[in-house]
Amino acid sequence: MRSLLLVCLTLSFLACGGKASFSSNEPEWMDTPPELCAVGNTKIRSTPGNARKFAVGAARDELARQLEVKVGNMMKSYLNEGGTMDGDFSEQKLLDVSKQVSKQSISGSRREAKYVSTFNGISEMNTLVCLKPGALSDALDKMKQLGAKARKALKQRADEADAELSKELANY
């Protein structure tokens, strides 16, 4: 009984603690990513390269959800009460369903940082991916194989996309 009480007290102290962190040396960006950035993570299973790809994908997914997400939800509650000669009866059923969908084209995002954490012998790849408005436009300016007309058209579309993104972010 005494050991059960000790375990309960320990767990309650841990649950009420400040920053929920497995490591005191993890980077600040893991808990509070900078603006226009997102964190993705995945367990390192086969190779660090594969884990990095999946973590970057998860971060881009989170970034897309920051830019736009449509949420649909439904809550159903069913209650039936009645009585018979043998006594009263009551039954209740609750159902809560939520769905989030994001469809976003993210141009100019890149991995800014990575951090490998290990907890209980399990390694996890954490990546910080940031959206860099204007990065695509700058890259197009530096391309040599495009003709001037094609470069100008692509740059104009990239600038329009950046302007649209900035407008959406301002209204978000």
N, C-alpha and C. Protein backbone atom coordinates (compact mmCIF):
# COMPACT_ATOMS: atom_id res chain seq x y z
N MET A 1 0.82 -1.19 0.00
CA MET A 1 0.00 0.00 0.00
C MET A 1 0.87 1.26 0.00
N ARG A 2 1.92 1.20 0.83
CA ARG A 2 2.81 2.35 0.93
C ARG A 2 3.52 2.62 -0.40
N SER A 3 3.96 1.55 -1.09
CA SER A 3 4.64 1.73 -2.37
C SER A 3 3.67 2.26 -3.43
N LEU A 4 2.41 1.86 -3.36
CA LEU A 4 1.40 2.39 -4.30
C LEU A 4 1.21 3.88 -4.09
N LEU A 5 1.17 4.30 -2.84
CA LEU A 5 1.04 5.73 -2.53
C LEU A 5 2.24 6.50 -3.05
N LEU A 6 3.43 5.95 -2.89
CA LEU A 6 4.65 6.60 -3.37
C LEU A 6 4.64 6.75 -4.88
N VAL A 7 4.20 5.71 -5.59
CA VAL A 7 4.11 5.76 -7.05
C VAL A 7 3.10 6.82 -7.48
N CYS A 8 1.95 6.88 -6.83
CA CYS A 8 0.92 7.88 -7.17
C CYS A 8 1.43 9.29 -6.95
N LEU A 9 2.12 9.51 -5.82
CA LEU A 9 2.66 10.84 -5.54
C LEU A 9 3.71 11.23 -6.58
N THR A 10 4.58 10.31 -6.94
CA THR A 10 5.61 10.57 -7.94
C THR A 10 4.99 10.93 -9.28
N LEU A 11 4.00 10.15 -9.69
CA LEU A 11 3.33 10.42 -10.97
C LEU A 11 2.61 11.77 -10.94
N SER A 12 1.99 12.12 -9.82
CA SER A 12 1.29 13.40 -9.76
C SER A 12 2.27 14.56 -9.84
N PHE A 13 3.46 14.43 -9.23
CA PHE A 13 4.46 15.49 -9.34
C PHE A 13 4.95 15.62 -10.77
N LEU A 14 5.16 14.49 -11.43
CA LEU A 14 5.62 14.54 -12.82
C LEU A 14 4.55 15.14 -13.72
N ALA A 15 3.30 14.82 -13.49
CA ALA A 15 2.21 15.32 -14.33
C ALA A 15 2.02 16.81 -14.17
N CYS A 16 2.31 17.35 -13.02
CA CYS A 16 2.10 18.77 -12.76
C CYS A 16 3.33 19.60 -13.05
N GLY A 17 4.40 18.99 -13.47
CA GLY A 17 5.64 19.71 -13.73
C GLY A 17 5.48 20.73 -14.84
N GLY A 18 6.49 21.53 -15.03
CA GLY A 18 6.47 22.57 -16.06
C GLY A 18 6.56 22.01 -17.45
N LYS A 19 7.70 22.19 -18.08
CA LYS A 19 7.92 21.79 -19.47
C LYS A 19 7.94 20.27 -19.59
N ALA A 20 7.08 19.75 -20.46
CA ALA A 20 7.04 18.31 -20.68
C ALA A 20 8.16 17.94 -21.64
N SER A 21 9.24 17.48 -21.12
CA SER A 21 10.42 17.22 -21.93
C SER A 21 11.08 15.93 -21.47
N PHE A 22 11.61 15.17 -22.41
CA PHE A 22 12.33 13.96 -22.06
C PHE A 22 13.79 14.26 -21.79
N SER A 23 14.26 15.38 -22.25
CA SER A 23 15.68 15.70 -22.13
C SER A 23 15.83 17.17 -21.81
N SER A 24 16.73 17.46 -20.89
CA SER A 24 16.93 18.86 -20.52
C SER A 24 17.74 19.61 -21.57
N ASN A 25 18.38 18.89 -22.48
CA ASN A 25 19.21 19.57 -23.47
C ASN A 25 18.56 19.63 -24.85
N GLU A 26 17.27 19.34 -24.94
CA GLU A 26 16.65 19.42 -26.25
C GLU A 26 16.49 20.88 -26.65
N PRO A 27 16.57 21.17 -27.94
CA PRO A 27 16.50 22.55 -28.39
C PRO A 27 15.13 23.18 -28.13
N GLU A 28 15.13 24.46 -27.91
CA GLU A 28 13.90 25.22 -27.63
C GLU A 28 12.88 25.09 -28.76
N TRP A 29 13.36 24.98 -30.01
CA TRP A 29 12.44 24.93 -31.15
C TRP A 29 11.54 23.71 -31.13
N MET A 30 11.89 22.68 -30.37
CA MET A 30 11.03 21.49 -30.32
C MET A 30 9.70 21.80 -29.62
N ASP A 31 9.72 22.65 -28.61
CA ASP A 31 8.49 23.02 -27.91
C ASP A 31 7.83 24.27 -28.48
N THR A 32 8.64 25.22 -28.92
CA THR A 32 8.10 26.47 -29.46
C THR A 32 8.81 26.81 -30.76
N PRO A 33 8.34 26.23 -31.87
CA PRO A 33 8.98 26.53 -33.16
C PRO A 33 8.79 28.00 -33.53
N PRO A 34 9.76 28.56 -34.25
CA PRO A 34 9.62 29.94 -34.72
C PRO A 34 8.43 30.08 -35.67
N GLU A 35 8.06 31.31 -35.95
CA GLU A 35 6.96 31.59 -36.86
C GLU A 35 7.26 31.01 -38.25
N LEU A 36 6.25 30.47 -38.89
CA LEU A 36 6.33 29.83 -40.20
C LEU A 36 7.23 28.59 -40.18
N CYS A 37 7.32 27.94 -39.04
CA CYS A 37 8.10 26.72 -38.89
C CYS A 37 7.26 25.66 -38.19
N ALA A 38 7.64 24.41 -38.38
CA ALA A 38 6.96 23.30 -37.72
C ALA A 38 7.96 22.19 -37.42
N VAL A 39 7.65 21.38 -36.43
CA VAL A 39 8.50 20.28 -36.01
C VAL A 39 7.86 18.97 -36.41
N GLY A 40 8.66 18.08 -36.95
CA GLY A 40 8.21 16.73 -37.27
C GLY A 40 9.15 15.74 -36.62
N ASN A 41 8.62 14.59 -36.24
CA ASN A 41 9.49 13.59 -35.63
C ASN A 41 9.04 12.19 -36.01
N THR A 42 9.98 11.28 -35.96
CA THR A 42 9.69 9.88 -36.24
C THR A 42 10.75 9.02 -35.56
N LYS A 43 10.38 7.82 -35.25
CA LYS A 43 11.31 6.88 -34.64
C LYS A 43 12.33 6.45 -35.70
N ILE A 44 13.59 6.35 -35.31
CA ILE A 44 14.63 5.88 -36.23
C ILE A 44 14.56 4.36 -36.24
N ARG A 45 14.10 3.79 -37.35
CA ARG A 45 13.92 2.35 -37.43
C ARG A 45 15.04 1.69 -38.25
N SER A 46 15.19 2.09 -39.50
CA SER A 46 16.18 1.43 -40.34
C SER A 46 17.43 2.29 -40.50
N THR A 47 17.28 3.49 -41.06
CA THR A 47 18.44 4.36 -41.25
C THR A 47 18.09 5.78 -40.85
N PRO A 48 19.08 6.56 -40.42
CA PRO A 48 18.82 7.96 -40.10
C PRO A 48 18.31 8.75 -41.31
N GLY A 49 18.77 8.38 -42.52
CA GLY A 49 18.31 9.07 -43.73
C GLY A 49 16.81 8.90 -43.95
N ASN A 50 16.32 7.68 -43.78
CA ASN A 50 14.89 7.44 -43.92
C ASN A 50 14.11 8.16 -42.83
N ALA A 51 14.63 8.14 -41.61
CA ALA A 51 13.96 8.82 -40.51
C ALA A 51 13.88 10.32 -40.79
N ARG A 52 14.96 10.89 -41.33
CA ARG A 52 14.97 12.31 -41.64
C ARG A 52 13.90 12.64 -42.67
N LYS A 53 13.78 11.80 -43.72
CA LYS A 53 12.75 12.03 -44.74
C LYS A 53 11.36 12.03 -44.15
N PHE A 54 11.09 11.03 -43.28
CA PHE A 54 9.76 10.95 -42.67
C PHE A 54 9.51 12.10 -41.71
N ALA A 55 10.53 12.50 -40.96
CA ALA A 55 10.38 13.61 -40.02
C ALA A 55 10.14 14.92 -40.77
N VAL A 56 10.85 15.13 -41.87
CA VAL A 56 10.63 16.33 -42.69
C VAL A 56 9.22 16.31 -43.25
N GLY A 57 8.75 15.15 -43.71
CA GLY A 57 7.39 15.03 -44.21
C GLY A 57 6.36 15.35 -43.15
N ALA A 58 6.60 14.86 -41.93
CA ALA A 58 5.67 15.15 -40.82
C ALA A 58 5.67 16.64 -40.50
N ALA A 59 6.84 17.28 -40.55
CA ALA A 59 6.92 18.72 -40.28
C ALA A 59 6.19 19.51 -41.37
N ARG A 60 6.35 19.11 -42.62
CA ARG A 60 5.63 19.80 -43.70
C ARG A 60 4.13 19.63 -43.55
N ASP A 61 3.71 18.44 -43.11
CA ASP A 61 2.30 18.20 -42.85
C ASP A 61 1.79 19.16 -41.78
N GLU A 62 2.56 19.30 -40.70
CA GLU A 62 2.19 20.23 -39.63
C GLU A 62 2.18 21.67 -40.13
N LEU A 63 3.15 22.02 -40.96
CA LEU A 63 3.21 23.36 -41.54
C LEU A 63 1.98 23.64 -42.39
N ALA A 64 1.57 22.67 -43.20
CA ALA A 64 0.37 22.82 -44.02
C ALA A 64 -0.86 23.03 -43.14
N ARG A 65 -0.92 22.31 -42.02
CA ARG A 65 -2.06 22.46 -41.11
C ARG A 65 -2.04 23.82 -40.43
N GLN A 66 -0.85 24.41 -40.26
CA GLN A 66 -0.78 25.77 -39.71
C GLN A 66 -1.36 26.77 -40.70
N LEU A 67 -1.12 26.54 -41.99
CA LEU A 67 -1.56 27.47 -43.01
C LEU A 67 -3.06 27.36 -43.27
N GLU A 68 -3.55 26.12 -43.31
CA GLU A 68 -4.98 25.93 -43.55
C GLU A 68 -5.36 24.52 -43.13
N VAL A 69 -6.44 24.44 -42.41
CA VAL A 69 -6.98 23.14 -42.05
C VAL A 69 -8.50 23.26 -41.97
N LYS A 70 -9.17 22.29 -42.51
CA LYS A 70 -10.62 22.22 -42.41
C LYS A 70 -10.95 21.14 -41.40
N VAL A 71 -11.76 21.49 -40.45
CA VAL A 71 -12.10 20.55 -39.39
C VAL A 71 -13.59 20.26 -39.46
N GLY A 72 -13.90 19.00 -39.49
CA GLY A 72 -15.28 18.56 -39.40
C GLY A 72 -15.43 17.70 -38.16
N ASN A 73 -16.48 17.90 -37.43
CA ASN A 73 -16.66 17.07 -36.26
C ASN A 73 -18.13 16.79 -36.04
N MET A 74 -18.38 15.75 -35.30
CA MET A 74 -19.74 15.34 -35.01
C MET A 74 -19.74 14.71 -33.62
N MET A 75 -20.74 15.05 -32.86
CA MET A 75 -20.91 14.43 -31.56
C MET A 75 -22.35 13.93 -31.48
N LYS A 76 -22.49 12.66 -31.15
CA LYS A 76 -23.81 12.05 -31.02
C LYS A 76 -23.97 11.57 -29.58
N SER A 77 -25.15 11.76 -29.08
CA SER A 77 -25.46 11.27 -27.75
C SER A 77 -26.81 10.56 -27.82
N TYR A 78 -26.84 9.36 -27.30
CA TYR A 78 -28.05 8.56 -27.30
C TYR A 78 -28.35 8.19 -25.85
N LEU A 79 -29.56 8.44 -25.42
CA LEU A 79 -29.96 8.09 -24.07
C LEU A 79 -31.33 7.46 -24.13
N ASN A 80 -31.47 6.32 -23.52
CA ASN A 80 -32.75 5.62 -23.48
C ASN A 80 -33.02 5.24 -22.04
N GLU A 81 -34.16 5.65 -21.54
CA GLU A 81 -34.55 5.31 -20.18
C GLU A 81 -35.95 4.74 -20.20
N GLY A 82 -36.18 3.90 -19.30
CA GLY A 82 -37.51 3.32 -19.22
C GLY A 82 -37.67 2.51 -17.96
N GLY A 83 -38.79 1.86 -17.86
CA GLY A 83 -39.04 1.05 -16.68
C GLY A 83 -39.93 -0.13 -17.02
N THR A 84 -39.79 -1.15 -16.23
CA THR A 84 -40.63 -2.34 -16.35
C THR A 84 -41.10 -2.71 -14.95
N MET A 85 -41.83 -3.77 -14.87
CA MET A 85 -42.29 -4.26 -13.57
C MET A 85 -41.09 -4.65 -12.70
N ASP A 86 -39.98 -5.01 -13.37
CA ASP A 86 -38.79 -5.44 -12.61
C ASP A 86 -37.92 -4.28 -12.16
N GLY A 87 -38.17 -3.07 -12.65
CA GLY A 87 -37.38 -1.92 -12.25
C GLY A 87 -37.06 -1.01 -13.42
N ASP A 88 -36.36 0.05 -13.12
CA ASP A 88 -35.98 1.03 -14.14
C ASP A 88 -34.73 0.57 -14.87
N PHE A 89 -34.58 1.08 -16.11
CA PHE A 89 -33.35 0.82 -16.85
C PHE A 89 -32.94 2.10 -17.57
N SER A 90 -31.66 2.16 -17.85
CA SER A 90 -31.11 3.32 -18.55
C SER A 90 -29.92 2.85 -19.37
N GLU A 91 -29.83 3.34 -20.60
CA GLU A 91 -28.65 3.07 -21.41
C GLU A 91 -28.24 4.36 -22.11
N GLN A 92 -26.95 4.53 -22.28
CA GLN A 92 -26.44 5.74 -22.90
C GLN A 92 -25.28 5.37 -23.80
N LYS A 93 -25.21 6.03 -24.95
CA LYS A 93 -24.11 5.83 -25.89
C LYS A 93 -23.65 7.21 -26.36
N LEU A 94 -22.36 7.46 -26.26
CA LEU A 94 -21.77 8.72 -26.72
C LEU A 94 -20.78 8.43 -27.83
N LEU A 95 -20.79 9.27 -28.85
CA LEU A 95 -19.87 9.12 -29.97
C LEU A 95 -19.34 10.49 -30.33
N ASP A 96 -18.02 10.61 -30.41
CA ASP A 96 -17.37 11.87 -30.77
C ASP A 96 -16.40 11.58 -31.90
N VAL A 97 -16.62 12.18 -33.07
CA VAL A 97 -15.80 11.95 -34.24
C VAL A 97 -15.27 13.30 -34.72
N SER A 98 -13.98 13.34 -35.06
CA SER A 98 -13.38 14.56 -35.60
C SER A 98 -12.48 14.19 -36.76
N LYS A 99 -12.48 15.03 -37.79
CA LYS A 99 -11.66 14.79 -38.98
C LYS A 99 -11.02 16.12 -39.37
N GLN A 100 -9.71 16.09 -39.63
CA GLN A 100 -9.01 17.29 -40.06
C GLN A 100 -8.38 17.02 -41.42
N VAL A 101 -8.58 17.94 -42.35
CA VAL A 101 -8.06 17.79 -43.70
C VAL A 101 -7.32 19.07 -44.09
N SER A 102 -6.17 18.88 -44.69
CA SER A 102 -5.39 20.02 -45.16
C SER A 102 -4.91 19.72 -46.57
N LYS A 103 -5.07 20.67 -47.45
CA LYS A 103 -4.56 20.55 -48.81
C LYS A 103 -3.82 21.84 -49.10
N GLN A 104 -2.51 21.74 -49.18
CA GLN A 104 -1.70 22.94 -49.28
C GLN A 104 -0.48 22.66 -50.14
N SER A 105 -0.14 23.57 -51.00
CA SER A 105 1.10 23.48 -51.75
C SER A 105 2.12 24.34 -51.02
N ILE A 106 3.22 23.73 -50.61
CA ILE A 106 4.23 24.46 -49.84
C ILE A 106 5.48 24.58 -50.68
N SER A 107 5.72 25.77 -51.17
CA SER A 107 6.93 26.05 -51.95
C SER A 107 7.89 26.83 -51.08
N GLY A 108 9.14 26.46 -51.15
CA GLY A 108 10.16 27.21 -50.42
C GLY A 108 10.35 26.76 -48.98
N SER A 109 9.90 25.55 -48.65
CA SER A 109 10.15 25.06 -47.28
C SER A 109 11.45 24.27 -47.28
N ARG A 110 12.15 24.32 -46.14
CA ARG A 110 13.39 23.57 -46.05
C ARG A 110 13.69 23.21 -44.60
N ARG A 111 14.47 22.15 -44.44
CA ARG A 111 14.85 21.71 -43.11
C ARG A 111 15.89 22.68 -42.56
N GLU A 112 15.61 23.21 -41.40
CA GLU A 112 16.51 24.18 -40.78
C GLU A 112 17.40 23.54 -39.71
N ALA A 113 16.87 22.53 -39.02
CA ALA A 113 17.64 21.92 -37.93
C ALA A 113 17.15 20.51 -37.69
N LYS A 114 17.99 19.71 -37.04
CA LYS A 114 17.58 18.36 -36.63
C LYS A 114 18.13 18.10 -35.24
N TYR A 115 17.47 17.20 -34.56
CA TYR A 115 17.90 16.81 -33.22
C TYR A 115 17.50 15.36 -33.02
N VAL A 116 18.44 14.53 -32.61
CA VAL A 116 18.15 13.13 -32.34
C VAL A 116 18.02 12.97 -30.83
N SER A 117 16.86 12.51 -30.41
CA SER A 117 16.62 12.29 -28.98
C SER A 117 16.55 10.78 -28.72
N THR A 118 16.94 10.39 -27.54
CA THR A 118 16.87 8.98 -27.15
C THR A 118 16.22 8.89 -25.79
N PHE A 119 15.20 8.06 -25.70
CA PHE A 119 14.49 7.85 -24.45
C PHE A 119 14.19 6.36 -24.32
N ASN A 120 14.60 5.78 -23.21
CA ASN A 120 14.43 4.34 -22.98
C ASN A 120 14.97 3.49 -24.13
N GLY A 121 16.11 3.92 -24.68
CA GLY A 121 16.75 3.15 -25.75
C GLY A 121 16.13 3.33 -27.12
N ILE A 122 15.13 4.18 -27.25
CA ILE A 122 14.47 4.42 -28.54
C ILE A 122 14.91 5.78 -29.06
N SER A 123 15.51 5.79 -30.25
CA SER A 123 15.98 7.04 -30.85
C SER A 123 14.91 7.61 -31.77
N GLU A 124 14.80 8.92 -31.75
CA GLU A 124 13.80 9.62 -32.55
C GLU A 124 14.46 10.79 -33.26
N MET A 125 14.15 10.93 -34.55
CA MET A 125 14.65 12.04 -35.35
C MET A 125 13.63 13.17 -35.27
N ASN A 126 14.08 14.35 -34.88
CA ASN A 126 13.24 15.54 -34.81
C ASN A 126 13.79 16.57 -35.78
N THR A 127 12.94 17.14 -36.61
CA THR A 127 13.40 18.14 -37.56
C THR A 127 12.56 19.41 -37.46
N LEU A 128 13.21 20.51 -37.74
CA LEU A 128 12.54 21.81 -37.81
C LEU A 128 12.51 22.21 -39.27
N VAL A 129 11.31 22.38 -39.82
CA VAL A 129 11.15 22.79 -41.21
C VAL A 129 10.50 24.16 -41.21
N CYS A 130 11.08 25.07 -41.99
CA CYS A 130 10.57 26.44 -42.04
C CYS A 130 10.21 26.82 -43.46
N LEU A 131 9.20 27.63 -43.56
CA LEU A 131 8.77 28.17 -44.85
C LEU A 131 9.52 29.47 -45.07
N LYS A 132 10.17 29.56 -46.19
CA LYS A 132 10.94 30.75 -46.52
C LYS A 132 10.30 31.44 -47.71
N PRO A 133 9.34 32.36 -47.46
CA PRO A 133 8.73 33.06 -48.59
C PRO A 133 9.81 33.75 -49.42
N GLY A 134 9.72 33.61 -50.71
CA GLY A 134 10.70 34.21 -51.60
C GLY A 134 11.83 33.27 -51.98
N ALA A 135 11.97 32.15 -51.31
CA ALA A 135 13.07 31.23 -51.59
C ALA A 135 12.96 30.65 -52.99
N LEU A 136 11.75 30.30 -53.42
CA LEU A 136 11.56 29.75 -54.76
C LEU A 136 11.89 30.80 -55.81
N SER A 137 11.45 32.01 -55.58
CA SER A 137 11.73 33.10 -56.51
C SER A 137 13.24 33.33 -56.64
N ASP A 138 13.95 33.33 -55.51
CA ASP A 138 15.41 33.50 -55.54
C ASP A 138 16.10 32.37 -56.28
N ALA A 139 15.63 31.14 -56.07
CA ALA A 139 16.22 29.98 -56.75
C ALA A 139 16.03 30.09 -58.26
N LEU A 140 14.87 30.55 -58.67
CA LEU A 140 14.62 30.69 -60.11
C LEU A 140 15.54 31.74 -60.74
N ASP A 141 15.82 32.79 -60.00
CA ASP A 141 16.73 33.83 -60.50
C ASP A 141 18.12 33.26 -60.76
N LYS A 142 18.53 32.28 -59.98
CA LYS A 142 19.89 31.73 -60.08
C LYS A 142 20.02 30.62 -61.11
N MET A 143 18.91 30.13 -61.63
CA MET A 143 18.96 29.02 -62.60
C MET A 143 19.53 29.53 -63.92
N LYS A 144 20.50 28.79 -64.45
CA LYS A 144 21.17 29.19 -65.69
C LYS A 144 20.52 28.57 -66.93
N GLN A 145 19.94 27.36 -66.80
CA GLN A 145 19.44 26.66 -67.97
C GLN A 145 18.12 27.22 -68.50
N LEU A 146 17.43 28.05 -67.73
CA LEU A 146 16.18 28.63 -68.20
C LEU A 146 16.48 29.87 -69.05
N GLY A 147 15.70 30.04 -70.07
CA GLY A 147 15.79 31.26 -70.85
C GLY A 147 15.22 32.41 -70.05
N ALA A 148 15.51 33.63 -70.47
CA ALA A 148 15.06 34.81 -69.74
C ALA A 148 13.54 34.88 -69.68
N LYS A 149 12.86 34.52 -70.77
CA LYS A 149 11.40 34.59 -70.80
C LYS A 149 10.77 33.55 -69.85
N ALA A 150 11.30 32.33 -69.88
CA ALA A 150 10.78 31.27 -69.00
C ALA A 150 11.07 31.62 -67.54
N ARG A 151 12.27 32.13 -67.27
CA ARG A 151 12.63 32.51 -65.91
C ARG A 151 11.71 33.60 -65.39
N LYS A 152 11.41 34.57 -66.25
CA LYS A 152 10.55 35.68 -65.86
C LYS A 152 9.13 35.18 -65.54
N ALA A 153 8.61 34.28 -66.36
CA ALA A 153 7.26 33.74 -66.14
C ALA A 153 7.20 32.92 -64.84
N LEU A 154 8.22 32.07 -64.63
CA LEU A 154 8.24 31.27 -63.41
C LEU A 154 8.40 32.15 -62.17
N LYS A 155 9.25 33.16 -62.28
CA LYS A 155 9.46 34.08 -61.16
C LYS A 155 8.18 34.83 -60.83
N GLN A 156 7.46 35.24 -61.88
CA GLN A 156 6.20 35.96 -61.65
C GLN A 156 5.19 35.06 -60.92
N ARG A 157 5.09 33.80 -61.34
CA ARG A 157 4.18 32.88 -60.66
C ARG A 157 4.61 32.63 -59.21
N ALA A 158 5.92 32.52 -58.99
CA ALA A 158 6.42 32.32 -57.63
C ALA A 158 6.13 33.54 -56.77
N ASP A 159 6.33 34.74 -57.33
CA ASP A 159 6.04 35.97 -56.58
C ASP A 159 4.56 36.07 -56.26
N GLU A 160 3.70 35.68 -57.21
CA GLU A 160 2.25 35.69 -56.97
C GLU A 160 1.88 34.71 -55.87
N ALA A 161 2.51 33.54 -55.88
CA ALA A 161 2.23 32.54 -54.85
C ALA A 161 2.69 33.04 -53.48
N ASP A 162 3.87 33.69 -53.43
CA ASP A 162 4.35 34.25 -52.18
C ASP A 162 3.42 35.34 -51.67
N ALA A 163 2.95 36.20 -52.58
CA ALA A 163 2.03 37.27 -52.19
C ALA A 163 0.72 36.69 -51.66
N GLU A 164 0.23 35.65 -52.34
CA GLU A 164 -1.01 35.01 -51.89
C GLU A 164 -0.82 34.38 -50.52
N LEU A 165 0.33 33.72 -50.33
CA LEU A 165 0.62 33.11 -49.04
C LEU A 165 0.69 34.17 -47.95
N SER A 166 1.37 35.26 -48.21
CA SER A 166 1.48 36.34 -47.21
C SER A 166 0.11 36.89 -46.87
N LYS A 167 -0.75 37.04 -47.87
CA LYS A 167 -2.10 37.54 -47.65
C LYS A 167 -2.90 36.55 -46.80
N GLU A 168 -2.79 35.26 -47.13
CA GLU A 168 -3.52 34.25 -46.36
C GLU A 168 -3.03 34.20 -44.91
N LEU A 169 -1.72 34.31 -44.73
CA LEU A 169 -1.19 34.28 -43.37
C LEU A 169 -1.63 35.50 -42.57
N ALA A 170 -1.74 36.64 -43.24
CA ALA A 170 -2.20 37.85 -42.56
C ALA A 170 -3.67 37.72 -42.14
N ASN A 171 -4.46 37.00 -42.95
CA ASN A 171 -5.88 36.84 -42.65
C ASN A 171 -6.17 35.63 -41.77
N TYR A 172 -5.19 34.80 -41.55
CA TYR A 172 -5.40 33.54 -40.83
C TYR A 172 -5.61 33.77 -39.35
